[in-house]
C-alpha atoms as a PDB file:
ATOM      1  CA  MET A   1      -2.895   0.574 221.297  1.00  0.00           C
ATOM      2  CA  LYS A   2      -4.774   3.531 222.548  1.00  0.00           C
ATOM      3  CA  ALA A   3      -5.010   6.297 219.919  1.00  0.00           C
ATOM      4  CA  ILE A   4      -7.265   9.528 219.581  1.00  0.00           C
ATOM      5  CA  LEU A   5      -8.616   8.997 216.267  1.00  0.00           C
ATOM      6  CA  VAL A   6     -10.630  11.904 214.222  1.00  0.00           C
ATOM      7  CA  LYS A   7     -13.206   9.813 212.268  1.00  0.00           C
ATOM      8  CA  GLU A   8     -14.017  13.368 210.443  1.00  0.00           C
ATOM      9  CA  PRO A   9     -14.607  16.712 211.723  1.00  0.00           C
ATOM     10  CA  LYS A  10     -16.110  17.492 215.048  1.00  0.00           C
ATOM     11  CA  SER A  11     -16.013  13.478 215.891  1.00  0.00           C
ATOM     12  CA  TYR A  12     -12.767  12.467 217.946  1.00  0.00           C
ATOM     13  CA  HIS A  13     -12.617   9.839 220.803  1.00  0.00           C
ATOM     14  CA  LEU A  14      -9.510   7.838 222.461  1.00  0.00           C
ATOM     15  CA  VAL A  15     -10.037   4.465 220.752  1.00  0.00           C
ATOM     16  CA  GLU A  16      -8.364   1.392 220.638  1.00  0.00           C
ATOM     17  CA  MET A  17      -6.982  -0.121 217.568  1.00  0.00           C
ATOM     18  CA  PRO A  18      -4.304  -2.722 216.201  1.00  0.00           C
ATOM     19  CA  LYS A  19      -0.513  -1.201 216.152  1.00  0.00           C
ATOM     20  CA  PRO A  20       0.655   0.002 212.915  1.00  0.00           C
ATOM     21  CA  HIS A  21       2.475  -1.984 210.316  1.00  0.00           C
ATOM     22  CA  LEU A  22       5.849  -1.605 209.516  1.00  0.00           C
ATOM     23  CA  GLY A  23       6.466  -0.674 206.199  1.00  0.00           C
ATOM     24  CA  ASP A  24       9.666  -1.315 203.832  1.00  0.00           C
ATOM     25  CA  GLY A  25      11.910   1.678 205.173  1.00  0.00           C
ATOM     26  CA  ALA A  26      10.211   2.581 208.139  1.00  0.00           C
ATOM     27  CA  VAL A  27      10.362   2.365 212.113  1.00  0.00           C
ATOM     28  CA  LEU A  28       8.050   1.586 214.717  1.00  0.00           C
ATOM     29  CA  VAL A  29       8.416   4.737 217.818  1.00  0.00           C
ATOM     30  CA  ARG A  30       7.321   3.965 221.255  1.00  0.00           C
ATOM     31  CA  VAL A  31       5.849   7.454 221.705  1.00  0.00           C
ATOM     32  CA  ARG A  32       6.545   9.258 224.881  1.00  0.00           C
ATOM     33  CA  TYR A  33       5.117  12.256 224.533  1.00  0.00           C
ATOM     34  CA  CYS A  34       3.282  14.599 221.960  1.00  0.00           C
ATOM     35  CA  GLY A  35       2.765  18.358 221.849  1.00  0.00           C
ATOM     36  CA  ILE A  36      -0.383  19.507 221.497  1.00  0.00           C
ATOM     37  CA  CYS A  37      -0.504  22.423 218.496  1.00  0.00           C
ATOM     38  CA  ALA A  38      -3.134  24.927 217.682  1.00  0.00           C
ATOM     39  CA  SER A  39      -2.697  23.608 214.112  1.00  0.00           C
ATOM     40  CA  ASP A  40      -3.988  20.849 215.665  1.00  0.00           C
ATOM     41  CA  PHE A  41      -7.984  22.079 216.394  1.00  0.00           C
ATOM     42  CA  GLU A  42      -8.005  23.295 212.678  1.00  0.00           C
ATOM     43  CA  ILE A  43      -8.119  18.962 212.351  1.00  0.00           C
ATOM     44  CA  LEU A  44     -10.784  18.408 214.711  1.00  0.00           C
ATOM     45  CA  TYR A  45     -12.471  20.940 213.560  1.00  0.00           C
ATOM     46  CA  GLY A  46     -12.718  20.104 209.784  1.00  0.00           C
ATOM     47  CA  LEU A  47     -11.068  23.266 208.948  1.00  0.00           C
ATOM     48  CA  ASN A  48      -7.431  22.532 207.109  1.00  0.00           C
ATOM     49  CA  GLU A  49      -8.991  20.585 204.024  1.00  0.00           C
ATOM     50  CA  GLU A  50      -5.723  21.692 201.959  1.00  0.00           C
ATOM     51  CA  GLU A  51      -3.666  19.089 204.115  1.00  0.00           C
ATOM     52  CA  VAL A  52      -6.080  16.932 206.354  1.00  0.00           C
ATOM     53  CA  VAL A  53      -6.746  13.191 205.134  1.00  0.00           C
ATOM     54  CA  TYR A  54      -9.883  11.893 207.522  1.00  0.00           C
ATOM     55  CA  PRO A  55      -9.984   9.601 209.514  1.00  0.00           C
ATOM     56  CA  ILE A  56      -6.656  10.422 211.492  1.00  0.00           C
ATOM     57  CA  ILE A  57      -4.523  10.319 214.171  1.00  0.00           C
ATOM     58  CA  PRO A  58      -3.074  13.735 214.958  1.00  0.00           C
ATOM     59  CA  GLY A  59      -0.057  15.010 216.457  1.00  0.00           C
ATOM     60  CA  HIS A  60       2.995  16.305 215.231  1.00  0.00           C
ATOM     61  CA  GLU A  61       5.272  17.886 217.681  1.00  0.00           C
ATOM     62  CA  TRP A  62       6.688  14.083 219.613  1.00  0.00           C
ATOM     63  CA  SER A  63       9.320  12.049 221.055  1.00  0.00           C
ATOM     64  CA  GLY A  64      10.095   8.454 221.912  1.00  0.00           C
ATOM     65  CA  GLU A  65      12.151   5.361 220.946  1.00  0.00           C
ATOM     66  CA  VAL A  66      12.177   3.237 218.412  1.00  0.00           C
ATOM     67  CA  VAL A  67      11.190  -0.443 219.543  1.00  0.00           C
ATOM     68  CA  GLU A  68      10.972  -1.772 215.425  1.00  0.00           C
ATOM     69  CA  ALA A  69      12.590  -1.380 212.262  1.00  0.00           C
ATOM     70  CA  GLY A  70      13.551  -2.924 208.748  1.00  0.00           C
ATOM     71  CA  LYS A  71      16.643  -4.133 208.405  1.00  0.00           C
ATOM     72  CA  GLU A  72      18.277  -1.321 206.556  1.00  0.00           C
ATOM     73  CA  PHE A  73      17.427   0.975 209.727  1.00  0.00           C
ATOM     74  CA  GLU A  74      17.731  -1.818 212.932  1.00  0.00           C
ATOM     75  CA  ALA A  75      20.938   0.714 214.297  1.00  0.00           C
ATOM     76  CA  LEU A  76      18.359   2.754 215.682  1.00  0.00           C
ATOM     77  CA  VAL A  77      16.418   0.077 217.993  1.00  0.00           C
ATOM     78  CA  GLY A  78      16.461   1.602 221.474  1.00  0.00           C
ATOM     79  CA  LYS A  79      17.208   4.496 220.260  1.00  0.00           C
ATOM     80  CA  ARG A  80      15.670   8.043 221.672  1.00  0.00           C
ATOM     81  CA  VAL A  81      14.111   9.817 218.721  1.00  0.00           C
ATOM     82  CA  THR A  82      12.318  12.797 217.578  1.00  0.00           C
ATOM     83  CA  GLY A  83      11.921  13.133 213.597  1.00  0.00           C
ATOM     84  CA  ASP A  84      10.921  14.913 210.572  1.00  0.00           C
ATOM     85  CA  ASN A  85       7.034  14.380 209.563  1.00  0.00           C
ATOM     86  CA  VAL A  86       7.987  16.081 206.042  1.00  0.00           C
ATOM     87  CA  VAL A  87       7.288  12.656 203.620  1.00  0.00           C
ATOM     88  CA  ALA A  88       8.231  13.419 200.231  1.00  0.00           C
ATOM     89  CA  CYS A  89       8.678  11.966 196.980  1.00  0.00           C
ATOM     90  CA  GLY A  90      12.303  12.751 196.408  1.00  0.00           C
ATOM     91  CA  LYS A  91      12.362  13.064 192.934  1.00  0.00           C
ATOM     92  CA  CYS A  92      10.666  16.495 192.185  1.00  0.00           C
ATOM     93  CA  LEU A  93      12.577  19.773 191.657  1.00  0.00           C
ATOM     94  CA  PRO A  94      11.896  21.277 194.980  1.00  0.00           C
ATOM     95  CA  CYS A  95      12.866  18.025 196.747  1.00  0.00           C
ATOM     96  CA  LEU A  96      16.423  17.416 194.432  1.00  0.00           C
ATOM     97  CA  ARG A  97      17.101  21.000 195.867  1.00  0.00           C
ATOM     98  CA  GLY A  98      16.270  19.880 199.438  1.00  0.00           C
ATOM     99  CA  HIS A  99      13.461  21.191 199.840  1.00  0.00           C
ATOM    100  CA  ARG A 100      10.966  18.661 200.644  1.00  0.00           C
ATOM    101  CA  ASN A 101       8.091  20.900 202.551  1.00  0.00           C
ATOM    102  CA  GLY A 102       7.714  22.302 199.004  1.00  0.00           C
ATOM    103  CA  CYS A 103       7.135  18.341 197.260  1.00  0.00           C
ATOM    104  CA  GLY A 104       3.626  18.547 195.212  1.00  0.00           C
ATOM    105  CA  GLN A 105       3.347  15.396 196.439  1.00  0.00           C
ATOM    106  CA  ARG A 106       4.303  16.011 200.079  1.00  0.00           C
ATOM    107  CA  ARG A 107       2.354  14.198 203.314  1.00  0.00           C
ATOM    108  CA  GLU A 108       2.779  14.640 206.740  1.00  0.00           C
ATOM    109  CA  ILE A 109       2.458  12.632 209.596  1.00  0.00           C
ATOM    110  CA  GLY A 110      -0.161  14.111 211.928  1.00  0.00           C
ATOM    111  CA  PHE A 111      -1.824  15.733 209.121  1.00  0.00           C
ATOM    112  CA  SER A 112      -2.089  13.257 205.873  1.00  0.00           C
ATOM    113  CA  LEU A 113      -0.401  10.267 207.896  1.00  0.00           C
ATOM    114  CA  ASP A 114      -1.059   9.067 211.147  1.00  0.00           C
ATOM    115  CA  GLY A 115       0.258  10.664 213.717  1.00  0.00           C
ATOM    116  CA  ALA A 116       1.722   9.959 217.880  1.00  0.00           C
ATOM    117  CA  TYR A 117      -1.519  11.101 219.417  1.00  0.00           C
ATOM    118  CA  ALA A 118      -1.286   7.450 220.308  1.00  0.00           C
ATOM    119  CA  ASP A 119       1.416   4.816 221.944  1.00  0.00           C
ATOM    120  CA  TYR A 120       3.034   4.225 218.448  1.00  0.00           C
ATOM    121  CA  VAL A 121       3.525   5.820 215.323  1.00  0.00           C
ATOM    122  CA  VAL A 122       5.466   4.890 212.377  1.00  0.00           C
ATOM    123  CA  VAL A 123       8.337   7.038 210.499  1.00  0.00           C
ATOM    124  CA  PRO A 124      10.406   6.704 207.878  1.00  0.00           C
ATOM    125  CA  GLY A 125      13.753   5.189 209.313  1.00  0.00           C
ATOM    126  CA  ARG A 126      15.872   8.111 207.109  1.00  0.00           C
ATOM    127  CA  ASN A 127      13.064  11.142 208.952  1.00  0.00           C
ATOM    128  CA  ILE A 128      14.464   9.927 212.317  1.00  0.00           C
ATOM    129  CA  ILE A 129      16.587  12.308 214.433  1.00  0.00           C
ATOM    130  CA  GLU A 130      18.212  10.862 217.652  1.00  0.00           C
ATOM    131  CA  LEU A 131      17.918  12.747 220.920  1.00  0.00           C
ATOM    132  CA  PRO A 132      20.802  13.986 222.860  1.00  0.00           C
ATOM    133  CA  ALA A 133      21.665  12.152 226.031  1.00  0.00           C
ATOM    134  CA  ASP A 134      20.618  15.178 228.248  1.00  0.00           C
ATOM    135  CA  VAL A 135      17.562  16.302 226.611  1.00  0.00           C
ATOM    136  CA  GLU A 136      14.724  14.884 227.433  1.00  0.00           C
ATOM    137  CA  PHE A 137      11.501  13.400 225.820  1.00  0.00           C
ATOM    138  CA  THR A 138       9.419  16.544 227.584  1.00  0.00           C
ATOM    139  CA  THR A 139      11.885  18.959 225.773  1.00  0.00           C
ATOM    140  CA  ALA A 140      12.396  17.318 222.736  1.00  0.00           C
ATOM    141  CA  VAL A 141       8.797  17.628 221.669  1.00  0.00           C
ATOM    142  CA  LEU A 142       9.864  21.087 221.237  1.00  0.00           C
ATOM    143  CA  ALA A 143      12.528  20.305 218.291  1.00  0.00           C
ATOM    144  CA  GLU A 144       9.458  20.718 215.771  1.00  0.00           C
ATOM    145  CA  PRO A 145       7.770  23.979 216.878  1.00  0.00           C
ATOM    146  CA  ILE A 146      11.522  25.350 216.923  1.00  0.00           C
ATOM    147  CA  ALA A 147      12.013  24.512 213.380  1.00  0.00           C
ATOM    148  CA  VAL A 148       9.254  26.276 211.895  1.00  0.00           C
ATOM    149  CA  PRO A 149      10.639  29.618 213.198  1.00  0.00           C
ATOM    150  CA  LEU A 150      14.537  28.675 212.632  1.00  0.00           C
ATOM    151  CA  HIS A 151      13.308  27.979 209.142  1.00  0.00           C
ATOM    152  CA  ALA A 152      10.917  31.197 208.816  1.00  0.00           C
ATOM    153  CA  LEU A 153      14.323  33.522 209.801  1.00  0.00           C
ATOM    154  CA  ARG A 154      16.552  31.568 207.375  1.00  0.00           C
ATOM    155  CA  LEU A 155      14.100  32.528 204.818  1.00  0.00           C
ATOM    156  CA  ALA A 156      13.535  35.993 205.508  1.00  0.00           C
ATOM    157  CA  ARG A 157      17.555  36.382 205.805  1.00  0.00           C
ATOM    158  CA  MET A 158      17.505  37.024 209.140  1.00  0.00           C
ATOM    159  CA  GLU A 159      20.960  40.036 209.943  1.00  0.00           C
ATOM    160  CA  LYS A 160      21.905  40.275 213.440  1.00  0.00           C
ATOM    161  CA  ASP A 161      21.959  44.769 213.005  1.00  0.00           C
ATOM    162  CA  GLN A 162      17.988  44.503 212.175  1.00  0.00           C
ATOM    163  CA  LYS A 163      15.278  46.100 214.362  1.00  0.00           C
ATOM    164  CA  ILE A 164      12.831  42.601 214.205  1.00  0.00           C
ATOM    165  CA  LEU A 165       9.103  42.218 215.634  1.00  0.00           C
ATOM    166  CA  ILE A 166       7.476  38.936 216.101  1.00  0.00           C
ATOM    167  CA  VAL A 167       3.992  39.244 216.051  1.00  0.00           C
ATOM    168  CA  GLY A 168       1.882  36.577 218.069  1.00  0.00           C
ATOM    169  CA  ASP A 169       2.695  35.443 221.659  1.00  0.00           C
ATOM    170  CA  GLY A 170       1.929  31.485 220.949  1.00  0.00           C
ATOM    171  CA  PRO A 171       4.829  28.998 221.137  1.00  0.00           C
ATOM    172  CA  ILE A 172       5.954  30.011 217.585  1.00  0.00           C
ATOM    173  CA  GLY A 173       6.430  33.207 218.396  1.00  0.00           C
ATOM    174  CA  LEU A 174       7.851  33.132 221.874  1.00  0.00           C
ATOM    175  CA  LEU A 175       9.985  30.550 220.244  1.00  0.00           C
ATOM    176  CA  ALA A 176      10.911  32.893 217.413  1.00  0.00           C
ATOM    177  CA  ILE A 177      12.000  35.403 219.617  1.00  0.00           C
ATOM    178  CA  ILE A 178      13.905  32.944 221.584  1.00  0.00           C
ATOM    179  CA  LEU A 179      15.851  31.966 218.134  1.00  0.00           C
ATOM    180  CA  ALA A 180      16.443  35.327 217.121  1.00  0.00           C
ATOM    181  CA  ARG A 181      18.284  36.493 220.088  1.00  0.00           C
ATOM    182  CA  HIS A 182      20.144  33.386 219.806  1.00  0.00           C
ATOM    183  CA  LEU A 183      21.075  33.922 216.755  1.00  0.00           C
ATOM    184  CA  GLY A 184      23.022  37.097 217.476  1.00  0.00           C
ATOM    185  CA  ALA A 185      19.770  39.813 217.117  1.00  0.00           C
ATOM    186  CA  GLU A 186      20.031  42.657 219.323  1.00  0.00           C
ATOM    187  CA  ASP A 187      16.814  44.909 218.652  1.00  0.00           C
ATOM    188  CA  LEU A 188      13.797  42.462 219.343  1.00  0.00           C
ATOM    189  CA  MET A 189       9.685  43.715 219.920  1.00  0.00           C
ATOM    190  CA  ILE A 190       7.662  41.495 220.364  1.00  0.00           C
ATOM    191  CA  ALA A 191       3.517  42.116 220.158  1.00  0.00           C
ATOM    192  CA  GLY A 192       0.861  39.593 221.927  1.00  0.00           C
ATOM    193  CA  HIS A 193      -2.091  39.995 224.611  1.00  0.00           C
ATOM    194  CA  HIS A 194      -1.028  37.273 227.183  1.00  0.00           C
ATOM    195  CA  GLN A 195       1.163  39.132 229.655  1.00  0.00           C
ATOM    196  CA  GLY A 196       2.606  36.494 231.629  1.00  0.00           C
ATOM    197  CA  ARG A 197       3.970  34.865 228.404  1.00  0.00           C
ATOM    198  CA  LEU A 198       5.314  38.279 227.636  1.00  0.00           C
ATOM    199  CA  ASP A 199       6.665  39.492 231.176  1.00  0.00           C
ATOM    200  CA  ARG A 200       8.141  35.430 230.668  1.00  0.00           C
ATOM    201  CA  VAL A 201      10.090  36.172 227.534  1.00  0.00           C
ATOM    202  CA  ALA A 202      11.749  39.604 228.383  1.00  0.00           C
ATOM    203  CA  LYS A 203      13.066  38.167 231.132  1.00  0.00           C
ATOM    204  CA  TRP A 204      14.279  35.623 229.059  1.00  0.00           C
ATOM    205  CA  THR A 205      15.482  37.465 226.183  1.00  0.00           C
ATOM    206  CA  GLY A 206      15.564  41.416 227.334  1.00  0.00           C
ATOM    207  CA  ALA A 207      13.075  41.956 224.554  1.00  0.00           C
ATOM    208  CA  ALA A 208      11.076  44.410 224.274  1.00  0.00           C
ATOM    209  CA  THR A 209       7.293  43.610 224.747  1.00  0.00           C
ATOM    210  CA  VAL A 210       3.867  45.218 223.836  1.00  0.00           C
ATOM    211  CA  ASN A 211       0.139  43.748 225.118  1.00  0.00           C
ATOM    212  CA  THR A 212      -1.829  44.542 222.511  1.00  0.00           C
ATOM    213  CA  HIS A 213      -4.952  44.559 224.990  1.00  0.00           C
ATOM    214  CA  GLU A 214      -3.666  47.674 226.339  1.00  0.00           C
ATOM    215  CA  SER A 215      -1.171  49.397 223.939  1.00  0.00           C
ATOM    216  CA  ALA A 216      -2.018  50.273 220.400  1.00  0.00           C
ATOM    217  CA  LEU A 217       0.598  48.477 218.375  1.00  0.00           C
ATOM    218  CA  GLU A 218       1.782  50.840 216.180  1.00  0.00           C
ATOM    219  CA  ASP A 219       2.871  53.332 218.901  1.00  0.00           C
ATOM    220  CA  ALA A 220       4.404  50.866 221.075  1.00  0.00           C
ATOM    221  CA  VAL A 221       6.569  49.905 217.634  1.00  0.00           C
ATOM    222  CA  GLU A 222       7.458  53.963 216.926  1.00  0.00           C
ATOM    223  CA  LYS A 223       8.552  54.166 220.587  1.00  0.00           C
ATOM    224  CA  ARG A 224      10.521  51.531 220.904  1.00  0.00           C
ATOM    225  CA  LEU A 225      12.463  51.027 217.345  1.00  0.00           C
ATOM    226  CA  GLY A 226      12.043  54.680 216.108  1.00  0.00           C
ATOM    227  CA  SER A 227      11.340  53.577 212.732  1.00  0.00           C
ATOM    228  CA  GLY A 228       9.223  50.292 210.917  1.00  0.00           C
ATOM    229  CA  PRO A 229      10.745  46.965 211.805  1.00  0.00           C
ATOM    230  CA  ASP A 230      13.256  45.452 208.919  1.00  0.00           C
ATOM    231  CA  LEU A 231      12.011  41.959 209.857  1.00  0.00           C
ATOM    232  CA  VAL A 232       8.225  41.494 210.807  1.00  0.00           C
ATOM    233  CA  LEU A 233       7.349  37.584 211.352  1.00  0.00           C
ATOM    234  CA  GLU A 234       3.679  37.493 211.962  1.00  0.00           C
ATOM    235  CA  THR A 235       2.878  33.993 213.426  1.00  0.00           C
ATOM    236  CA  THR A 236      -0.935  34.785 214.600  1.00  0.00           C
ATOM    237  CA  GLY A 237      -2.291  33.311 211.418  1.00  0.00           C
ATOM    238  CA  ARG A 238      -5.220  35.999 211.170  1.00  0.00           C
ATOM    239  CA  PRO A 239      -5.397  38.153 208.121  1.00  0.00           C
ATOM    240  CA  PRO A 240      -6.362  41.869 209.829  1.00  0.00           C
ATOM    241  CA  VAL A 241      -3.180  41.006 211.270  1.00  0.00           C
ATOM    242  CA  VAL A 242      -1.216  40.370 208.402  1.00  0.00           C
ATOM    243  CA  SER A 243      -2.498  43.869 206.914  1.00  0.00           C
ATOM    244  CA  ALA A 244      -1.278  45.677 210.474  1.00  0.00           C
ATOM    245  CA  SER A 245       2.028  43.927 209.808  1.00  0.00           C
ATOM    246  CA  VAL A 246       2.390  45.393 206.048  1.00  0.00           C
ATOM    247  CA  ARG A 247       1.686  48.906 207.234  1.00  0.00           C
ATOM    248  CA  LEU A 248       4.368  48.932 210.199  1.00  0.00           C
ATOM    249  CA  LEU A 249       7.226  47.626 207.920  1.00  0.00           C
ATOM    250  CA  GLY A 250       9.552  50.035 207.153  1.00  0.00           C
ATOM    251  CA  PRO A 251      11.143  50.665 203.626  1.00  0.00           C
ATOM    252  CA  GLY A 252      13.107  47.558 201.820  1.00  0.00           C
ATOM    253  CA  GLY A 253      11.104  45.395 204.836  1.00  0.00           C
ATOM    254  CA  THR A 254      10.787  42.192 205.236  1.00  0.00           C
ATOM    255  CA  LEU A 255       7.177  40.629 206.345  1.00  0.00           C
ATOM    256  CA  CYS A 256       7.224  36.826 206.616  1.00  0.00           C
ATOM    257  CA  LEU A 257       4.224  35.045 207.024  1.00  0.00           C
ATOM    258  CA  VAL A 258       4.289  31.961 209.609  1.00  0.00           C
ATOM    259  CA  GLY A 259       0.731  31.032 210.375  1.00  0.00           C
ATOM    260  CA  ALA A 260      -2.211  29.261 208.785  1.00  0.00           C
ATOM    261  CA  TYR A 261      -4.463  31.869 206.801  1.00  0.00           C
ATOM    262  CA  ARG A 262      -7.841  30.573 206.258  1.00  0.00           C
ATOM    263  CA  ASP A 263      -9.015  33.548 205.004  1.00  0.00           C
ATOM    264  CA  THR A 264      -7.685  37.058 202.842  1.00  0.00           C
ATOM    265  CA  ALA A 265      -5.857  40.064 203.735  1.00  0.00           C
ATOM    266  CA  ASP A 266      -6.672  43.654 203.192  1.00  0.00           C
ATOM    267  CA  PHE A 267      -3.545  45.989 202.175  1.00  0.00           C
ATOM    268  CA  ARG A 268      -2.371  48.422 199.399  1.00  0.00           C
ATOM    269  CA  PRO A 269      -0.316  46.643 196.918  1.00  0.00           C
ATOM    270  CA  ASN A 270       1.510  50.029 195.866  1.00  0.00           C
ATOM    271  CA  ASP A 271       2.672  50.282 199.170  1.00  0.00           C
ATOM    272  CA  VAL A 272       4.948  47.367 198.876  1.00  0.00           C
ATOM    273  CA  VAL A 273       5.927  48.381 195.177  1.00  0.00           C
ATOM    274  CA  LEU A 274       6.683  51.960 196.667  1.00  0.00           C
ATOM    275  CA  TYR A 275       9.235  50.863 199.575  1.00  0.00           C
ATOM    276  CA  GLU A 276       9.867  48.039 198.263  1.00  0.00           C
ATOM    277  CA  GLN A 277       9.235  45.697 200.429  1.00  0.00           C
ATOM    278  CA  ASN A 278       9.167  42.240 200.466  1.00  0.00           C
ATOM    279  CA  ILE A 279       6.198  39.588 201.806  1.00  0.00           C
ATOM    280  CA  ILE A 280       7.039  35.691 201.716  1.00  0.00           C
ATOM    281  CA  GLY A 281       5.707  33.278 203.151  1.00  0.00           C
ATOM    282  CA  SER A 282       7.035  30.053 205.516  1.00  0.00           C
ATOM    283  CA  LEU A 283       6.190  26.221 205.415  1.00  0.00           C
ATOM    284  CA  SER A 284       6.948  23.800 207.980  1.00  0.00           C
ATOM    285  CA  TYR A 285      10.792  23.216 207.491  1.00  0.00           C
ATOM    286  CA  ILE A 286      13.735  21.559 205.855  1.00  0.00           C
ATOM    287  CA  HIS A 287      15.217  18.425 207.252  1.00  0.00           C
ATOM    288  CA  SER A 288      18.663  19.899 208.197  1.00  0.00           C
ATOM    289  CA  GLU A 289      16.508  22.727 210.090  1.00  0.00           C
ATOM    290  CA  ILE A 290      14.808  20.083 212.613  1.00  0.00           C
ATOM    291  CA  GLU A 291      18.438  18.520 213.013  1.00  0.00           C
ATOM    292  CA  GLU A 292      19.876  21.717 214.129  1.00  0.00           C
ATOM    293  CA  SER A 293      16.931  22.163 216.027  1.00  0.00           C
ATOM    294  CA  VAL A 294      17.812  19.177 218.170  1.00  0.00           C
ATOM    295  CA  ARG A 295      21.268  20.357 218.544  1.00  0.00           C
ATOM    296  CA  LEU A 296      20.201  23.221 219.743  1.00  0.00           C
ATOM    297  CA  LEU A 297      18.233  22.186 222.182  1.00  0.00           C
ATOM    298  CA  GLY A 298      21.169  19.570 223.480  1.00  0.00           C
ATOM    299  CA  GLN A 299      23.158  22.840 223.863  1.00  0.00           C
ATOM    300  CA  GLY A 300      20.763  24.572 226.366  1.00  0.00           C
ATOM    301  CA  LEU A 301      18.676  26.809 223.792  1.00  0.00           C
ATOM    302  CA  VAL A 302      15.630  26.754 225.916  1.00  0.00           C
ATOM    303  CA  GLU A 303      17.110  25.268 228.929  1.00  0.00           C
ATOM    304  CA  GLY A 304      15.613  26.600 232.304  1.00  0.00           C
ATOM    305  CA  MET A 305      12.495  28.197 230.278  1.00  0.00           C
ATOM    306  CA  ASN A 306       9.737  26.002 231.077  1.00  0.00           C
ATOM    307  CA  ILE A 307       8.054  26.276 228.132  1.00  0.00           C
ATOM    308  CA  VAL A 308       6.238  22.755 228.521  1.00  0.00           C
ATOM    309  CA  THR A 309       4.310  24.154 231.281  1.00  0.00           C
ATOM    310  CA  HIS A 310       1.970  21.053 231.334  1.00  0.00           C
ATOM    311  CA  VAL A 311       1.627  17.213 230.794  1.00  0.00           C
ATOM    312  CA  PHE A 312      -1.575  14.981 230.655  1.00  0.00           C
ATOM    313  CA  PRO A 313      -1.971  11.380 230.294  1.00  0.00           C
ATOM    314  CA  LEU A 314      -3.482  10.406 226.421  1.00  0.00           C
ATOM    315  CA  GLU A 315      -6.341   9.733 228.710  1.00  0.00           C
ATOM    316  CA  GLN A 316      -7.103  12.948 229.744  1.00  0.00           C
ATOM    317  CA  TYR A 317      -6.658  14.395 225.926  1.00  0.00           C
ATOM    318  CA  ALA A 318      -9.873  16.099 226.536  1.00  0.00           C
ATOM    319  CA  ARG A 319      -8.941  18.246 229.273  1.00  0.00           C
ATOM    320  CA  GLY A 320      -5.637  19.266 227.821  1.00  0.00           C
ATOM    321  CA  PHE A 321      -7.163  20.520 224.504  1.00  0.00           C
ATOM    322  CA  ASP A 322      -9.425  22.418 226.659  1.00  0.00           C
ATOM    323  CA  VAL A 323      -6.494  24.132 228.748  1.00  0.00           C
ATOM    324  CA  VAL A 324      -4.427  24.628 225.100  1.00  0.00           C
ATOM    325  CA  GLU A 325      -7.591  25.946 223.132  1.00  0.00           C
ATOM    326  CA  LYS A 326      -9.051  28.616 225.457  1.00  0.00           C
ATOM    327  CA  ARG A 327      -5.280  29.373 227.380  1.00  0.00           C
ATOM    328  CA  ARG A 328      -5.913  28.419 230.754  1.00  0.00           C
ATOM    329  CA  ASP A 329      -4.076  28.110 233.633  1.00  0.00           C
ATOM    330  CA  HIS A 330      -0.828  30.456 231.952  1.00  0.00           C
ATOM    331  CA  VAL A 331      -0.192  27.723 229.149  1.00  0.00           C
ATOM    332  CA  ILE A 332       2.153  27.779 226.936  1.00  0.00           C
ATOM    333  CA  LYS A 333       2.824  24.145 225.848  1.00  0.00           C
ATOM    334  CA  ALA A 334       1.347  21.699 226.865  1.00  0.00           C
ATOM    335  CA  CYS A 335       1.758  17.421 226.034  1.00  0.00           C
ATOM    336  CA  LEU A 336       0.247  14.316 226.016  1.00  0.00           C
ATOM    337  CA  GLU A 337       1.919  11.652 227.821  1.00  0.00           C
ATOM    338  CA  THR A 338       0.839   8.079 226.227  1.00  0.00           C
END
């Protein structure tokens, strides 16, 4: 099969390799599409030592068809699917509580287990989620990036009457504000610096927007929300933005960190104490949330929004990486087609 293999940081190529072996309790998926995620660049460049095991085939936003399965999961053969990428021990306290994303022995497809930048990917049968008939393969790659902000909003205990600020206009930020609107929130604002994306999400959701390259975020928040937000989702992964988000947060508010942070943030802990604020971290999702993401796609959550803006053949991966990494051609979400 063809696959993009990252042998070590900064060494990755399209290679021919044997079709993966099907172990006990697993299924073999013929990949159709796989989304290109910003976290994949951390794999390419060696910036995620906590999770990545080299050599590795990246790719964790995928859709495809089950073509082989062990006896336990034979009924899945021929099904159109996506899946939960988290592979956990199933025995520790977080696992027993239904939070496999917190498992101390957690592995993840596309990070420490071979992923879907390939013709085939092996997935535990219990992780497979069937797609509704009217959800196309290209749309289904959004199930995983929808589950991430869905988990964050649930963890932060979002309420409909809150003033909510989403910081970052990447795919996770855009999907977060789409979800918040779908879940009933009305007082919404998103901050970013890609005007085309901001214009689109304003059209889709009616949310207020601020281009942080043109206006001060603090002034825009005060003008639009009147006071500090009750809930801030920080999706950029940039520590200085975390510091700014803490300063913006209203009394009793919650800051939820959804990005990947490779450095320290500077803020005054006593401000958090004096205003009884909450700062929480959100890691990926739990199984029920990616199942819910698939249901939401089937119900038309992103219908007509054209979030998947670019598709490249697997052989043109370098072009796809370049478009996503450098935000060329008004890209929002790009996919590789295998």
